[in-house]
Amino acid sequence: MDQPETPPPAPSATPGDAGKAQESAPPPGTDKAREREQYQNFEGFLRSALREEYKASWKENRARFVSLMIASGQFAQIAAEKVEQEATPKNLVAMAGAVLLVQLGLKFLARGPMGALIVGGIAAAAVAYVALNYGTIAPKVRRFRELIESTRPRYGEIQTGLKDGRFSPPERDLMVDGLLHQFLESVRAEA
């Protein structure tokens, strides 16, 4: 009897291959692409921080997550400009509801009338949550904005180091990971 052919073993990676594997971008929209977005630009860094904070603290400290989400500006630019122009409690509540509606509900809108009802419920709950916790959320938003603005130049220095050839992509990745860890520790210290 003939034995079935076994595939040849995979070539082993050499130390020089590590940088090449790090540089190849995964297809957009995949989990790997989301994992790598923190290394691409500061907005991706903030989205990664939001994901990590959501995983770590959504159940025990929602106000901190919502404050970070609002402070990060990872929602419609028009809503962010409106909040800055008219930062009254009533407008902040309306904007937070609109932001959560956009962020959480768009995928349901395409599914007909039932989806619209679900989105409406999500938006109402988000507005109610922000309104009830405004006294807790508003000061955190201010502090998180300051933290984000102090982190942005440090992130830029790391990216500049990569472009100037001072760092390899794996070194840059380690530095960005460290910066993300420091950023999240500072966020969590705001308890």
N, C-alpha and C. Protein backbone atom coordinates (compact mmCIF):
# COMPACT_ATOMS: atom_id res chain seq x y z
N MET A 1 0.83 -1.19 0.00
CA MET A 1 0.00 0.00 0.00
C MET A 1 0.87 1.24 0.00
N ASP A 2 0.40 2.21 -0.74
CA ASP A 2 1.12 3.48 -0.79
C ASP A 2 0.76 4.31 0.44
N GLN A 3 1.78 4.92 0.98
CA GLN A 3 1.57 5.83 2.10
C GLN A 3 1.11 7.18 1.53
N PRO A 4 0.15 7.87 2.20
CA PRO A 4 -0.23 9.20 1.71
C PRO A 4 0.95 10.16 1.91
N GLU A 5 1.06 11.04 0.94
CA GLU A 5 2.16 12.00 1.02
C GLU A 5 1.90 12.98 2.14
N THR A 6 2.94 13.23 2.90
CA THR A 6 2.83 14.24 3.95
C THR A 6 3.42 15.54 3.42
N PRO A 7 2.82 16.64 3.80
CA PRO A 7 3.35 17.92 3.31
C PRO A 7 4.72 18.18 3.91
N PRO A 8 5.55 18.88 3.18
CA PRO A 8 6.88 19.20 3.72
C PRO A 8 6.74 20.10 4.94
N PRO A 9 7.71 20.02 5.85
CA PRO A 9 7.62 20.87 7.04
C PRO A 9 7.73 22.34 6.66
N ALA A 10 7.07 23.17 7.47
CA ALA A 10 7.11 24.62 7.23
C ALA A 10 8.52 25.12 7.48
N PRO A 11 8.96 26.05 6.67
CA PRO A 11 10.31 26.58 6.88
C PRO A 11 10.38 27.29 8.22
N SER A 12 11.50 27.14 8.90
CA SER A 12 11.64 27.79 10.20
C SER A 12 11.98 29.26 9.98
N ALA A 13 11.50 30.06 10.93
CA ALA A 13 11.74 31.50 10.83
C ALA A 13 13.15 31.81 11.30
N THR A 14 13.76 32.71 10.61
CA THR A 14 15.08 33.18 11.03
C THR A 14 14.90 34.52 11.72
N PRO A 15 15.87 34.94 12.53
CA PRO A 15 15.72 36.23 13.22
C PRO A 15 15.43 37.39 12.27
N GLY A 16 15.95 37.39 11.10
CA GLY A 16 15.71 38.47 10.14
C GLY A 16 14.29 38.50 9.62
N ASP A 17 13.58 37.37 9.73
CA ASP A 17 12.21 37.30 9.23
C ASP A 17 11.21 37.97 10.17
N ALA A 18 11.57 38.15 11.43
CA ALA A 18 10.61 38.67 12.40
C ALA A 18 10.09 40.04 12.00
N GLY A 19 10.96 40.93 11.57
CA GLY A 19 10.55 42.27 11.17
C GLY A 19 9.65 42.25 9.95
N LYS A 20 9.94 41.34 9.01
CA LYS A 20 9.13 41.26 7.80
C LYS A 20 7.72 40.81 8.12
N ALA A 21 7.58 39.84 9.03
CA ALA A 21 6.25 39.36 9.41
C ALA A 21 5.47 40.47 10.11
N GLN A 22 6.15 41.29 10.90
CA GLN A 22 5.48 42.37 11.62
C GLN A 22 4.98 43.44 10.67
N GLU A 23 5.69 43.68 9.57
CA GLU A 23 5.33 44.76 8.67
C GLU A 23 4.16 44.42 7.75
N SER A 24 3.94 43.15 7.45
CA SER A 24 2.85 42.81 6.54
C SER A 24 1.52 43.06 7.23
N ALA A 25 0.67 43.79 6.56
CA ALA A 25 -0.61 44.18 7.15
C ALA A 25 -1.65 43.10 6.93
N PRO A 26 -2.42 42.76 7.97
CA PRO A 26 -3.50 41.79 7.80
C PRO A 26 -4.66 42.44 7.04
N PRO A 27 -5.55 41.61 6.48
CA PRO A 27 -6.68 42.17 5.74
C PRO A 27 -7.54 43.06 6.65
N PRO A 28 -8.03 44.19 6.13
CA PRO A 28 -8.86 45.09 6.94
C PRO A 28 -10.10 44.38 7.46
N GLY A 29 -10.55 44.78 8.65
CA GLY A 29 -11.77 44.23 9.22
C GLY A 29 -11.58 42.92 9.96
N THR A 30 -10.40 42.34 9.93
CA THR A 30 -10.17 41.09 10.64
C THR A 30 -9.73 41.39 12.07
N ASP A 31 -9.79 40.36 12.93
CA ASP A 31 -9.32 40.53 14.30
C ASP A 31 -7.86 40.93 14.33
N LYS A 32 -7.06 40.35 13.43
CA LYS A 32 -5.64 40.70 13.37
C LYS A 32 -5.47 42.17 13.01
N ALA A 33 -6.29 42.67 12.09
CA ALA A 33 -6.19 44.08 11.71
C ALA A 33 -6.54 44.97 12.90
N ARG A 34 -7.57 44.60 13.67
CA ARG A 34 -7.93 45.38 14.85
C ARG A 34 -6.82 45.34 15.88
N GLU A 35 -6.16 44.19 16.03
CA GLU A 35 -5.05 44.08 16.97
C GLU A 35 -3.90 44.99 16.56
N ARG A 36 -3.69 45.19 15.27
CA ARG A 36 -2.55 45.96 14.77
C ARG A 36 -2.85 47.45 14.63
N GLU A 37 -4.10 47.87 14.73
CA GLU A 37 -4.41 49.27 14.45
C GLU A 37 -3.77 50.24 15.44
N GLN A 38 -3.43 49.80 16.63
CA GLN A 38 -2.80 50.69 17.59
C GLN A 38 -1.42 51.14 17.13
N TYR A 39 -0.83 50.41 16.19
CA TYR A 39 0.50 50.75 15.70
C TYR A 39 0.46 51.66 14.48
N GLN A 40 -0.71 51.84 13.88
CA GLN A 40 -0.82 52.58 12.62
C GLN A 40 -0.92 54.08 12.81
N ASN A 41 -1.79 54.52 13.74
CA ASN A 41 -1.97 55.95 13.99
C ASN A 41 -2.57 56.14 15.38
N PHE A 42 -2.64 57.40 15.82
CA PHE A 42 -3.09 57.66 17.18
C PHE A 42 -4.56 57.32 17.36
N GLU A 43 -5.37 57.48 16.34
CA GLU A 43 -6.79 57.13 16.45
C GLU A 43 -6.94 55.62 16.67
N GLY A 44 -6.13 54.84 15.99
CA GLY A 44 -6.14 53.39 16.21
C GLY A 44 -5.68 53.04 17.62
N PHE A 45 -4.70 53.78 18.11
CA PHE A 45 -4.23 53.63 19.49
C PHE A 45 -5.38 53.86 20.46
N LEU A 46 -6.15 54.93 20.24
CA LEU A 46 -7.28 55.23 21.12
C LEU A 46 -8.38 54.16 21.02
N ARG A 47 -8.64 53.67 19.81
CA ARG A 47 -9.64 52.61 19.66
C ARG A 47 -9.21 51.35 20.41
N SER A 48 -7.92 51.03 20.35
CA SER A 48 -7.40 49.88 21.09
C SER A 48 -7.56 50.09 22.59
N ALA A 49 -7.28 51.31 23.05
CA ALA A 49 -7.44 51.62 24.47
C ALA A 49 -8.89 51.47 24.89
N LEU A 50 -9.81 51.94 24.05
CA LEU A 50 -11.24 51.80 24.36
C LEU A 50 -11.65 50.33 24.44
N ARG A 51 -11.17 49.52 23.50
CA ARG A 51 -11.49 48.08 23.53
C ARG A 51 -10.97 47.43 24.81
N GLU A 52 -9.73 47.75 25.15
CA GLU A 52 -9.13 47.17 26.36
C GLU A 52 -9.88 47.63 27.62
N GLU A 53 -10.22 48.89 27.67
CA GLU A 53 -10.94 49.42 28.84
C GLU A 53 -12.33 48.80 28.93
N TYR A 54 -12.97 48.60 27.80
CA TYR A 54 -14.29 47.96 27.80
C TYR A 54 -14.19 46.55 28.36
N LYS A 55 -13.21 45.78 27.89
CA LYS A 55 -13.03 44.41 28.38
C LYS A 55 -12.74 44.39 29.87
N ALA A 56 -11.94 45.34 30.33
CA ALA A 56 -11.47 45.32 31.71
C ALA A 56 -12.48 45.87 32.71
N SER A 57 -13.28 46.85 32.31
CA SER A 57 -14.04 47.54 33.36
C SER A 57 -15.50 47.82 33.06
N TRP A 58 -16.04 47.33 31.98
CA TRP A 58 -17.42 47.68 31.66
C TRP A 58 -18.38 47.32 32.79
N LYS A 59 -18.21 46.17 33.37
CA LYS A 59 -19.16 45.74 34.40
C LYS A 59 -19.00 46.50 35.71
N GLU A 60 -17.77 46.84 36.09
CA GLU A 60 -17.59 47.49 37.38
C GLU A 60 -17.49 49.00 37.33
N ASN A 61 -17.20 49.60 36.18
CA ASN A 61 -17.04 51.06 36.14
C ASN A 61 -17.43 51.59 34.77
N ARG A 62 -18.70 51.58 34.49
CA ARG A 62 -19.19 52.06 33.19
C ARG A 62 -18.94 53.54 32.99
N ALA A 63 -19.03 54.30 34.05
CA ALA A 63 -18.84 55.75 33.93
C ALA A 63 -17.44 56.06 33.40
N ARG A 64 -16.45 55.30 33.84
CA ARG A 64 -15.07 55.53 33.38
C ARG A 64 -14.97 55.23 31.88
N PHE A 65 -15.57 54.12 31.44
CA PHE A 65 -15.52 53.78 30.02
C PHE A 65 -16.25 54.83 29.18
N VAL A 66 -17.44 55.22 29.60
CA VAL A 66 -18.21 56.20 28.84
C VAL A 66 -17.45 57.53 28.79
N SER A 67 -16.83 57.91 29.90
CA SER A 67 -16.04 59.15 29.93
C SER A 67 -14.88 59.08 28.95
N LEU A 68 -14.19 57.94 28.94
CA LEU A 68 -13.06 57.77 28.02
C LEU A 68 -13.53 57.78 26.57
N MET A 69 -14.67 57.16 26.31
CA MET A 69 -15.20 57.14 24.95
C MET A 69 -15.52 58.56 24.48
N ILE A 70 -16.15 59.34 25.35
CA ILE A 70 -16.49 60.71 24.98
C ILE A 70 -15.21 61.53 24.80
N ALA A 71 -14.25 61.38 25.74
CA ALA A 71 -13.02 62.17 25.69
C ALA A 71 -12.16 61.82 24.48
N SER A 72 -12.21 60.56 24.04
CA SER A 72 -11.34 60.12 22.94
C SER A 72 -11.74 60.71 21.59
N GLY A 73 -13.00 61.11 21.46
CA GLY A 73 -13.44 61.69 20.20
C GLY A 73 -13.54 60.69 19.07
N GLN A 74 -13.73 59.43 19.40
CA GLN A 74 -13.79 58.40 18.37
C GLN A 74 -15.19 58.24 17.80
N PHE A 75 -15.88 59.31 17.67
CA PHE A 75 -17.20 59.30 17.07
C PHE A 75 -17.29 60.46 16.10
N ALA A 76 -18.44 60.70 15.58
CA ALA A 76 -18.60 61.68 14.49
C ALA A 76 -17.98 63.03 14.85
N GLN A 77 -17.19 63.58 13.95
CA GLN A 77 -16.50 64.85 14.17
C GLN A 77 -17.50 65.98 14.41
N ILE A 78 -18.60 65.95 13.78
CA ILE A 78 -19.61 66.99 13.95
C ILE A 78 -20.12 67.01 15.38
N ALA A 79 -20.38 65.83 15.94
CA ALA A 79 -20.85 65.76 17.32
C ALA A 79 -19.80 66.30 18.27
N ALA A 80 -18.54 66.00 18.03
CA ALA A 80 -17.46 66.49 18.89
C ALA A 80 -17.38 68.01 18.83
N GLU A 81 -17.49 68.58 17.64
CA GLU A 81 -17.44 70.03 17.51
C GLU A 81 -18.63 70.68 18.21
N LYS A 82 -19.78 70.06 18.08
CA LYS A 82 -20.99 70.59 18.72
C LYS A 82 -20.86 70.58 20.23
N VAL A 83 -20.29 69.51 20.78
CA VAL A 83 -20.10 69.42 22.23
C VAL A 83 -19.17 70.52 22.70
N GLU A 84 -18.09 70.78 21.97
CA GLU A 84 -17.15 71.83 22.36
C GLU A 84 -17.78 73.22 22.27
N GLN A 85 -18.64 73.42 21.28
CA GLN A 85 -19.26 74.73 21.11
C GLN A 85 -20.32 74.99 22.17
N GLU A 86 -21.11 73.99 22.46
CA GLU A 86 -22.23 74.16 23.38
C GLU A 86 -22.18 73.08 24.46
N ALA A 87 -21.24 73.18 25.36
CA ALA A 87 -21.02 72.14 26.37
C ALA A 87 -21.91 72.33 27.60
N THR A 88 -23.21 72.41 27.38
CA THR A 88 -24.13 72.46 28.51
C THR A 88 -24.52 71.02 28.84
N PRO A 89 -24.96 70.76 30.06
CA PRO A 89 -25.35 69.39 30.42
C PRO A 89 -26.40 68.80 29.47
N LYS A 90 -27.37 69.60 29.09
CA LYS A 90 -28.42 69.11 28.20
C LYS A 90 -27.84 68.70 26.84
N ASN A 91 -26.95 69.53 26.29
CA ASN A 91 -26.34 69.21 25.00
C ASN A 91 -25.41 68.00 25.10
N LEU A 92 -24.67 67.88 26.22
CA LEU A 92 -23.80 66.72 26.40
C LEU A 92 -24.60 65.43 26.42
N VAL A 93 -25.74 65.46 27.09
CA VAL A 93 -26.60 64.27 27.15
C VAL A 93 -27.10 63.92 25.75
N ALA A 94 -27.54 64.93 25.01
CA ALA A 94 -28.04 64.68 23.65
C ALA A 94 -26.94 64.14 22.75
N MET A 95 -25.74 64.73 22.86
CA MET A 95 -24.62 64.27 22.02
C MET A 95 -24.20 62.86 22.39
N ALA A 96 -24.14 62.55 23.67
CA ALA A 96 -23.76 61.19 24.08
C ALA A 96 -24.75 60.18 23.53
N GLY A 97 -26.03 60.53 23.58
CA GLY A 97 -27.04 59.63 23.02
C GLY A 97 -26.85 59.45 21.52
N ALA A 98 -26.58 60.54 20.82
CA ALA A 98 -26.36 60.44 19.37
C ALA A 98 -25.12 59.62 19.05
N VAL A 99 -24.07 59.82 19.83
CA VAL A 99 -22.83 59.07 19.62
C VAL A 99 -23.06 57.58 19.79
N LEU A 100 -23.70 57.22 20.88
CA LEU A 100 -23.94 55.79 21.12
C LEU A 100 -24.89 55.21 20.08
N LEU A 101 -25.84 56.01 19.65
CA LEU A 101 -26.74 55.56 18.59
C LEU A 101 -25.95 55.21 17.34
N VAL A 102 -25.06 56.10 16.96
CA VAL A 102 -24.25 55.86 15.76
C VAL A 102 -23.32 54.67 15.96
N GLN A 103 -22.60 54.66 17.10
CA GLN A 103 -21.58 53.64 17.34
C GLN A 103 -22.19 52.25 17.51
N LEU A 104 -23.27 52.15 18.28
CA LEU A 104 -23.81 50.84 18.61
C LEU A 104 -24.94 50.38 17.70
N GLY A 105 -25.61 51.33 17.07
CA GLY A 105 -26.83 50.96 16.41
C GLY A 105 -26.87 50.86 14.90
N LEU A 106 -25.87 51.35 14.20
CA LEU A 106 -25.94 51.37 12.74
C LEU A 106 -26.16 49.99 12.14
N LYS A 107 -25.55 48.98 12.70
CA LYS A 107 -25.70 47.65 12.12
C LYS A 107 -27.13 47.14 12.24
N PHE A 108 -27.87 47.63 13.25
CA PHE A 108 -29.24 47.18 13.40
C PHE A 108 -30.20 47.92 12.47
N LEU A 109 -29.85 49.15 12.08
CA LEU A 109 -30.75 49.92 11.23
C LEU A 109 -31.02 49.24 9.90
N ALA A 110 -30.07 48.52 9.40
CA ALA A 110 -30.23 47.86 8.11
C ALA A 110 -31.16 46.67 8.19
N ARG A 111 -31.60 46.30 9.36
CA ARG A 111 -32.41 45.10 9.52
C ARG A 111 -33.90 45.40 9.69
N GLY A 112 -34.36 46.54 9.28
CA GLY A 112 -35.78 46.82 9.26
C GLY A 112 -36.32 47.48 10.52
N PRO A 113 -37.67 47.48 10.65
CA PRO A 113 -38.32 48.18 11.75
C PRO A 113 -37.91 47.66 13.13
N MET A 114 -37.71 46.38 13.27
CA MET A 114 -37.31 45.83 14.56
C MET A 114 -35.94 46.37 14.96
N GLY A 115 -35.05 46.48 14.00
CA GLY A 115 -33.74 47.04 14.28
C GLY A 115 -33.84 48.49 14.74
N ALA A 116 -34.73 49.25 14.12
CA ALA A 116 -34.91 50.65 14.52
C ALA A 116 -35.41 50.75 15.96
N LEU A 117 -36.29 49.85 16.35
CA LEU A 117 -36.77 49.84 17.74
C LEU A 117 -35.64 49.51 18.71
N ILE A 118 -34.80 48.57 18.34
CA ILE A 118 -33.66 48.21 19.19
C ILE A 118 -32.72 49.39 19.32
N VAL A 119 -32.43 50.05 18.21
CA VAL A 119 -31.55 51.22 18.24
C VAL A 119 -32.14 52.31 19.11
N GLY A 120 -33.44 52.53 18.99
CA GLY A 120 -34.10 53.55 19.83
C GLY A 120 -33.96 53.21 21.31
N GLY A 121 -34.10 51.95 21.64
CA GLY A 121 -33.95 51.53 23.04
C GLY A 121 -32.53 51.72 23.53
N ILE A 122 -31.55 51.40 22.68
CA ILE A 122 -30.15 51.59 23.04
C ILE A 122 -29.87 53.08 23.26
N ALA A 123 -30.35 53.92 22.36
CA ALA A 123 -30.11 55.36 22.48
C ALA A 123 -30.76 55.92 23.74
N ALA A 124 -31.98 55.50 24.03
CA ALA A 124 -32.67 55.99 25.23
C ALA A 124 -31.93 55.57 26.49
N ALA A 125 -31.46 54.34 26.51
CA ALA A 125 -30.72 53.86 27.68
C ALA A 125 -29.40 54.62 27.84
N ALA A 126 -28.72 54.90 26.73
CA ALA A 126 -27.45 55.62 26.78
C ALA A 126 -27.65 57.05 27.28
N VAL A 127 -28.67 57.72 26.76
CA VAL A 127 -28.95 59.09 27.20
C VAL A 127 -29.31 59.09 28.68
N ALA A 128 -30.12 58.15 29.11
CA ALA A 128 -30.51 58.08 30.52
C ALA A 128 -29.29 57.83 31.40
N TYR A 129 -28.40 56.94 30.96
CA TYR A 129 -27.21 56.63 31.75
C TYR A 129 -26.32 57.86 31.91
N VAL A 130 -26.07 58.56 30.82
CA VAL A 130 -25.22 59.75 30.88
C VAL A 130 -25.89 60.82 31.73
N ALA A 131 -27.20 61.00 31.59
CA ALA A 131 -27.91 62.01 32.38
C ALA A 131 -27.84 61.69 33.87
N LEU A 132 -28.03 60.45 34.23
CA LEU A 132 -28.00 60.06 35.64
C LEU A 132 -26.61 60.14 36.24
N ASN A 133 -25.59 59.98 35.43
CA ASN A 133 -24.21 59.95 35.92
C ASN A 133 -23.40 61.16 35.46
N TYR A 134 -24.07 62.23 35.08
CA TYR A 134 -23.37 63.39 34.54
C TYR A 134 -22.33 63.93 35.52
N GLY A 135 -22.65 63.99 36.79
CA GLY A 135 -21.72 64.52 37.79
C GLY A 135 -20.44 63.70 37.89
N THR A 136 -20.52 62.42 37.60
CA THR A 136 -19.35 61.55 37.62
C THR A 136 -18.60 61.60 36.29
N ILE A 137 -19.34 61.66 35.21
CA ILE A 137 -18.75 61.56 33.87
C ILE A 137 -18.04 62.85 33.45
N ALA A 138 -18.65 64.01 33.68
CA ALA A 138 -18.10 65.27 33.18
C ALA A 138 -16.68 65.54 33.67
N PRO A 139 -16.37 65.41 34.96
CA PRO A 139 -14.98 65.67 35.39
C PRO A 139 -13.99 64.67 34.80
N LYS A 140 -14.42 63.43 34.64
CA LYS A 140 -13.53 62.42 34.06
C LYS A 140 -13.23 62.74 32.61
N VAL A 141 -14.22 63.23 31.89
CA VAL A 141 -14.01 63.59 30.48
C VAL A 141 -12.91 64.64 30.38
N ARG A 142 -12.97 65.64 31.23
CA ARG A 142 -11.93 66.69 31.20
C ARG A 142 -10.55 66.10 31.49
N ARG A 143 -10.44 65.26 32.52
CA ARG A 143 -9.15 64.67 32.87
C ARG A 143 -8.65 63.73 31.77
N PHE A 144 -9.56 62.96 31.18
CA PHE A 144 -9.15 62.04 30.11
C PHE A 144 -8.71 62.80 28.86
N ARG A 145 -9.33 63.92 28.58
CA ARG A 145 -8.89 64.73 27.44
C ARG A 145 -7.47 65.22 27.66
N GLU A 146 -7.17 65.64 28.89
CA GLU A 146 -5.81 66.08 29.21
C GLU A 146 -4.82 64.92 29.06
N LEU A 147 -5.22 63.74 29.52
CA LEU A 147 -4.36 62.56 29.40
C LEU A 147 -4.12 62.21 27.93
N ILE A 148 -5.16 62.27 27.14
CA ILE A 148 -5.03 61.96 25.71
C ILE A 148 -4.09 62.97 25.05
N GLU A 149 -4.25 64.24 25.37
CA GLU A 149 -3.39 65.27 24.75
C GLU A 149 -1.95 65.15 25.21
N SER A 150 -1.71 64.66 26.41
CA SER A 150 -0.32 64.47 26.85
C SER A 150 0.29 63.20 26.28
N THR A 151 -0.55 62.24 25.88
CA THR A 151 -0.06 60.98 25.30
C THR A 151 0.21 61.13 23.80
N ARG A 152 -0.53 61.98 23.13
CA ARG A 152 -0.40 62.14 21.68
C ARG A 152 1.04 62.44 21.24
N PRO A 153 1.76 63.41 21.86
CA PRO A 153 3.14 63.68 21.41
C PRO A 153 4.08 62.49 21.65
N ARG A 154 3.86 61.77 22.74
CA ARG A 154 4.72 60.61 23.02
C ARG A 154 4.51 59.55 21.94
N TYR A 155 3.26 59.35 21.51
CA TYR A 155 2.97 58.41 20.43
C TYR A 155 3.65 58.89 19.14
N GLY A 156 3.55 60.18 18.87
CA GLY A 156 4.17 60.74 17.67
C GLY A 156 5.69 60.56 17.65
N GLU A 157 6.33 60.70 18.82
CA GLU A 157 7.78 60.49 18.90
C GLU A 157 8.14 59.05 18.54
N ILE A 158 7.33 58.11 18.98
CA ILE A 158 7.60 56.70 18.66
C ILE A 158 7.48 56.48 17.16
N GLN A 159 6.42 57.00 16.55
CA GLN A 159 6.22 56.83 15.10
C GLN A 159 7.33 57.53 14.30
N THR A 160 7.76 58.69 14.76
CA THR A 160 8.84 59.40 14.10
C THR A 160 10.13 58.59 14.17
N GLY A 161 10.37 57.96 15.31
CA GLY A 161 11.55 57.11 15.46
C GLY A 161 11.55 55.96 14.47
N LEU A 162 10.38 55.40 14.19
CA LEU A 162 10.28 54.33 13.19
C LEU A 162 10.58 54.89 11.80
N LYS A 163 10.00 56.02 11.47
CA LYS A 163 10.21 56.62 10.14
C LYS A 163 11.66 57.04 9.93
N ASP A 164 12.31 57.52 10.99
CA ASP A 164 13.71 57.95 10.90
C ASP A 164 14.69 56.79 10.94
N GLY A 165 14.20 55.59 11.17
CA GLY A 165 15.07 54.43 11.21
C GLY A 165 15.74 54.18 12.56
N ARG A 166 15.33 54.92 13.58
CA ARG A 166 15.90 54.69 14.91
C ARG A 166 15.34 53.43 15.56
N PHE A 167 14.12 53.02 15.15
CA PHE A 167 13.48 51.83 15.70
C PHE A 167 13.07 50.92 14.55
N SER A 168 13.11 49.63 14.81
CA SER A 168 12.56 48.66 13.87
C SER A 168 11.07 48.51 14.19
N PRO A 169 10.27 47.94 13.28
CA PRO A 169 8.85 47.76 13.58
C PRO A 169 8.60 46.98 14.88
N PRO A 170 9.33 45.88 15.15
CA PRO A 170 9.07 45.19 16.43
C PRO A 170 9.41 46.08 17.66
N GLU A 171 10.45 46.89 17.55
CA GLU A 171 10.78 47.79 18.65
C GLU A 171 9.68 48.84 18.83
N ARG A 172 9.20 49.38 17.72
CA ARG A 172 8.10 50.35 17.78
C ARG A 172 6.88 49.71 18.42
N ASP A 173 6.57 48.47 18.03
CA ASP A 173 5.41 47.78 18.59
C ASP A 173 5.53 47.64 20.10
N LEU A 174 6.71 47.28 20.58
CA LEU A 174 6.92 47.16 22.02
C LEU A 174 6.72 48.50 22.73
N MET A 175 7.23 49.57 22.14
CA MET A 175 7.08 50.89 22.75
C MET A 175 5.62 51.34 22.76
N VAL A 176 4.90 51.06 21.68
CA VAL A 176 3.48 51.43 21.63
C VAL A 176 2.71 50.59 22.65
N ASP A 177 3.04 49.31 22.78
CA ASP A 177 2.38 48.47 23.78
C ASP A 177 2.62 49.03 25.18
N GLY A 178 3.85 49.44 25.45
CA GLY A 178 4.17 50.03 26.75
C GLY A 178 3.41 51.32 27.00
N LEU A 179 3.33 52.16 25.97
CA LEU A 179 2.59 53.42 26.08
C LEU A 179 1.10 53.15 26.33
N LEU A 180 0.55 52.15 25.63
CA LEU A 180 -0.85 51.78 25.83
C LEU A 180 -1.07 51.32 27.27
N HIS A 181 -0.15 50.52 27.78
CA HIS A 181 -0.26 50.04 29.16
C HIS A 181 -0.22 51.22 30.14
N GLN A 182 0.71 52.16 29.94
CA GLN A 182 0.80 53.34 30.80
C GLN A 182 -0.47 54.18 30.71
N PHE A 183 -0.99 54.34 29.49
CA PHE A 183 -2.20 55.12 29.28
C PHE A 183 -3.37 54.51 30.05
N LEU A 184 -3.53 53.19 29.92
CA LEU A 184 -4.65 52.52 30.59
C LEU A 184 -4.48 52.53 32.10
N GLU A 185 -3.27 52.43 32.59
CA GLU A 185 -3.03 52.54 34.03
C GLU A 185 -3.43 53.91 34.54
N SER A 186 -3.13 54.96 33.77
CA SER A 186 -3.52 56.31 34.16
C SER A 186 -5.04 56.47 34.14
N VAL A 187 -5.68 55.87 33.14
CA VAL A 187 -7.16 55.91 33.07
C VAL A 187 -7.74 55.22 34.30
N ARG A 188 -7.23 54.05 34.63
CA ARG A 188 -7.78 53.28 35.75
C ARG A 188 -7.46 53.92 37.10
N ALA A 189 -6.43 54.73 37.17
CA ALA A 189 -6.12 55.43 38.42
C ALA A 189 -7.17 56.50 38.72
N GLU A 190 -7.93 56.90 37.70
CA GLU A 190 -8.99 57.89 37.87
C GLU A 190 -10.22 57.32 38.53
N ALA A 191 -10.28 56.01 38.69
CA ALA A 191 -11.41 55.29 39.29
C ALA A 191 -12.52 56.21 39.58
